[in-house]
Amino acid sequence: MSNLQKGKLTDLLDYQINAVVSREIIRKDTGTVTLFAFDKSQGLSEHTAPFDALVQVLEGEMEITISGRAFPVKTGEFIIMPANDPHALKALTPAKMLLTMIKS
């Protein structure tokens, strides 16, 4: 159990002014879990990924656009971004999210 860790996800990453910060929590051949902190109005530009991805908003509010359709997602909510669909993310407030990508 040497990899055992316990804690509050939102404490693992601090906000930075006008920036997006990320920290990989788990990396395996079958997928990744990454924590992100976005300052207000910061985001990730439109892109695609070859795998489904689960976004869980841990703090704040985000707008997640998938195939041109915008979805507001706030603290405690999640959204699934389907593989190969173009998507973009923007923080409406300072926000932290957990991204889980499963490759198989």
C-alpha atoms as a PDB file:
ATOM      1  CA  MET A   1       0.000   0.000   0.000  1.00  0.00           C
ATOM      2  CA  SER A   2       2.930   2.337  -0.603  1.00  0.00           C
ATOM      3  CA  ASN A   3       0.891   4.397  -3.117  1.00  0.00           C
ATOM      4  CA  LEU A   4      -1.933   4.959  -0.630  1.00  0.00           C
ATOM      5  CA  GLN A   5      -2.878   8.618  -0.374  1.00  0.00           C
ATOM      6  CA  LYS A   6      -5.760  10.385   1.319  1.00  0.00           C
ATOM      7  CA  GLY A   7      -6.741  14.010   1.313  1.00  0.00           C
ATOM      8  CA  LYS A   8      -8.935  16.719  -0.126  1.00  0.00           C
ATOM      9  CA  LEU A   9      -8.452  17.112  -3.878  1.00  0.00           C
ATOM     10  CA  THR A  10      -9.051  20.851  -3.829  1.00  0.00           C
ATOM     11  CA  ASP A  11      -6.110  21.263  -1.421  1.00  0.00           C
ATOM     12  CA  LEU A  12      -3.636  19.687  -3.870  1.00  0.00           C
ATOM     13  CA  LEU A  13      -3.565  22.650  -6.255  1.00  0.00           C
ATOM     14  CA  ASP A  14      -3.667  26.432  -5.768  1.00  0.00           C
ATOM     15  CA  TYR A  15      -5.086  29.023  -8.142  1.00  0.00           C
ATOM     16  CA  GLN A  16      -2.630  31.225 -10.025  1.00  0.00           C
ATOM     17  CA  ILE A  17      -3.559  34.644 -11.389  1.00  0.00           C
ATOM     18  CA  ASN A  18      -4.534  34.547 -15.090  1.00  0.00           C
ATOM     19  CA  ALA A  19      -3.465  30.921 -15.409  1.00  0.00           C
ATOM     20  CA  VAL A  20      -4.499  27.301 -15.702  1.00  0.00           C
ATOM     21  CA  VAL A  21      -2.592  24.930 -13.432  1.00  0.00           C
ATOM     22  CA  SER A  22      -2.713  21.135 -13.595  1.00  0.00           C
ATOM     23  CA  ARG A  23      -1.435  18.206 -11.569  1.00  0.00           C
ATOM     24  CA  GLU A  24      -1.585  14.600 -12.662  1.00  0.00           C
ATOM     25  CA  ILE A  25      -2.888  12.448  -9.814  1.00  0.00           C
ATOM     26  CA  ILE A  26      -2.807   9.040 -11.531  1.00  0.00           C
ATOM     27  CA  ARG A  27      -1.157   7.901 -14.769  1.00  0.00           C
ATOM     28  CA  LYS A  28      -1.697   4.347 -15.979  1.00  0.00           C
ATOM     29  CA  ASP A  29      -1.664   2.696 -19.417  1.00  0.00           C
ATOM     30  CA  THR A  30      -5.462   2.550 -19.179  1.00  0.00           C
ATOM     31  CA  GLY A  31      -6.026   6.209 -18.330  1.00  0.00           C
ATOM     32  CA  THR A  32      -5.245   9.306 -16.309  1.00  0.00           C
ATOM     33  CA  VAL A  33      -6.744  11.406 -13.538  1.00  0.00           C
ATOM     34  CA  THR A  34      -5.717  15.070 -13.614  1.00  0.00           C
ATOM     35  CA  LEU A  35      -6.636  17.952 -11.330  1.00  0.00           C
ATOM     36  CA  PHE A  36      -6.955  21.447 -12.834  1.00  0.00           C
ATOM     37  CA  ALA A  37      -7.282  24.926 -11.289  1.00  0.00           C
ATOM     38  CA  PHE A  38      -8.509  27.729 -13.567  1.00  0.00           C
ATOM     39  CA  ASP A  39      -8.488  31.410 -12.716  1.00  0.00           C
ATOM     40  CA  LYS A  40     -11.667  33.236 -13.765  1.00  0.00           C
ATOM     41  CA  SER A  41     -11.994  33.522 -17.578  1.00  0.00           C
ATOM     42  CA  GLN A  42      -9.146  31.052 -18.175  1.00  0.00           C
ATOM     43  CA  GLY A  43      -9.705  27.848 -20.114  1.00  0.00           C
ATOM     44  CA  LEU A  44      -8.589  25.283 -22.620  1.00  0.00           C
ATOM     45  CA  SER A  45      -9.155  26.034 -26.297  1.00  0.00           C
ATOM     46  CA  GLU A  46     -11.151  23.707 -28.513  1.00  0.00           C
ATOM     47  CA  HIS A  47      -9.529  20.331 -29.081  1.00  0.00           C
ATOM     48  CA  THR A  48     -10.432  16.655 -29.387  1.00  0.00           C
ATOM     49  CA  ALA A  49      -9.364  13.569 -27.481  1.00  0.00           C
ATOM     50  CA  PRO A  50      -9.447   9.968 -28.711  1.00  0.00           C
ATOM     51  CA  PHE A  51     -11.104   8.767 -25.470  1.00  0.00           C
ATOM     52  CA  ASP A  52     -14.191   9.573 -23.415  1.00  0.00           C
ATOM     53  CA  ALA A  53     -13.446  11.950 -20.549  1.00  0.00           C
ATOM     54  CA  LEU A  54     -15.321  12.640 -17.318  1.00  0.00           C
ATOM     55  CA  VAL A  55     -15.117  16.180 -15.906  1.00  0.00           C
ATOM     56  CA  GLN A  56     -16.121  16.748 -12.285  1.00  0.00           C
ATOM     57  CA  VAL A  57     -16.262  20.364 -11.103  1.00  0.00           C
ATOM     58  CA  LEU A  58     -14.956  20.479  -7.533  1.00  0.00           C
ATOM     59  CA  GLU A  59     -15.178  24.265  -7.001  1.00  0.00           C
ATOM     60  CA  GLY A  60     -16.676  27.126  -8.953  1.00  0.00           C
ATOM     61  CA  GLU A  61     -18.467  27.265 -12.278  1.00  0.00           C
ATOM     62  CA  MET A  62     -17.332  26.365 -15.762  1.00  0.00           C
ATOM     63  CA  GLU A  63     -18.733  26.500 -19.257  1.00  0.00           C
ATOM     64  CA  ILE A  64     -17.900  23.360 -21.197  1.00  0.00           C
ATOM     65  CA  THR A  65     -18.595  23.454 -24.914  1.00  0.00           C
ATOM     66  CA  ILE A  66     -18.979  20.136 -26.731  1.00  0.00           C
ATOM     67  CA  SER A  67     -19.527  20.081 -30.506  1.00  0.00           C
ATOM     68  CA  GLY A  68     -20.572  23.750 -30.417  1.00  0.00           C
ATOM     69  CA  ARG A  69     -23.099  23.381 -27.569  1.00  0.00           C
ATOM     70  CA  ALA A  70     -22.314  25.146 -24.273  1.00  0.00           C
ATOM     71  CA  PHE A  71     -23.070  23.489 -20.940  1.00  0.00           C
ATOM     72  CA  PRO A  72     -22.810  25.278 -17.585  1.00  0.00           C
ATOM     73  CA  VAL A  73     -21.283  22.940 -14.983  1.00  0.00           C
ATOM     74  CA  LYS A  74     -20.934  23.986 -11.335  1.00  0.00           C
ATOM     75  CA  THR A  75     -19.586  22.634  -8.042  1.00  0.00           C
ATOM     76  CA  GLY A  76     -20.666  19.046  -7.508  1.00  0.00           C
ATOM     77  CA  GLU A  77     -21.735  18.471 -11.115  1.00  0.00           C
ATOM     78  CA  PHE A  78     -20.112  16.446 -13.873  1.00  0.00           C
ATOM     79  CA  ILE A  79     -20.234  16.090 -17.641  1.00  0.00           C
ATOM     80  CA  ILE A  80     -18.933  13.430 -20.008  1.00  0.00           C
ATOM     81  CA  MET A  81     -17.051  14.620 -23.071  1.00  0.00           C
ATOM     82  CA  PRO A  82     -17.392  11.922 -25.765  1.00  0.00           C
ATOM     83  CA  ALA A  83     -14.325  10.710 -27.626  1.00  0.00           C
ATOM     84  CA  ASN A  84     -13.482  12.620 -30.814  1.00  0.00           C
ATOM     85  CA  ASP A  85     -16.060  15.393 -30.206  1.00  0.00           C
ATOM     86  CA  PRO A  86     -14.464  18.861 -30.228  1.00  0.00           C
ATOM     87  CA  HIS A  87     -14.642  20.472 -26.795  1.00  0.00           C
ATOM     88  CA  ALA A  88     -13.420  23.570 -24.947  1.00  0.00           C
ATOM     89  CA  LEU A  89     -13.492  24.619 -21.298  1.00  0.00           C
ATOM     90  CA  LYS A  90     -13.752  28.069 -19.708  1.00  0.00           C
ATOM     91  CA  ALA A  91     -13.937  29.063 -16.042  1.00  0.00           C
ATOM     92  CA  LEU A  92     -16.807  31.449 -15.283  1.00  0.00           C
ATOM     93  CA  THR A  93     -15.418  31.833 -11.753  1.00  0.00           C
ATOM     94  CA  PRO A  94     -12.172  30.534 -10.290  1.00  0.00           C
ATOM     95  CA  ALA A  95     -12.740  26.790 -10.640  1.00  0.00           C
ATOM     96  CA  LYS A  96     -11.150  23.445  -9.900  1.00  0.00           C
ATOM     97  CA  MET A  97     -12.013  20.290 -11.804  1.00  0.00           C
ATOM     98  CA  LEU A  98     -10.990  16.668 -11.967  1.00  0.00           C
ATOM     99  CA  LEU A  99     -10.527  15.119 -15.404  1.00  0.00           C
ATOM    100  CA  THR A 100     -10.689  11.327 -15.672  1.00  0.00           C
ATOM    101  CA  MET A 101      -9.767   9.870 -19.045  1.00  0.00           C
ATOM    102  CA  ILE A 102     -10.230   6.141 -19.630  1.00  0.00           C
ATOM    103  CA  LYS A 103      -8.307   4.713 -22.573  1.00  0.00           C
ATOM    104  CA  SER A 104      -9.876   1.245 -22.660  1.00  0.00           C
END
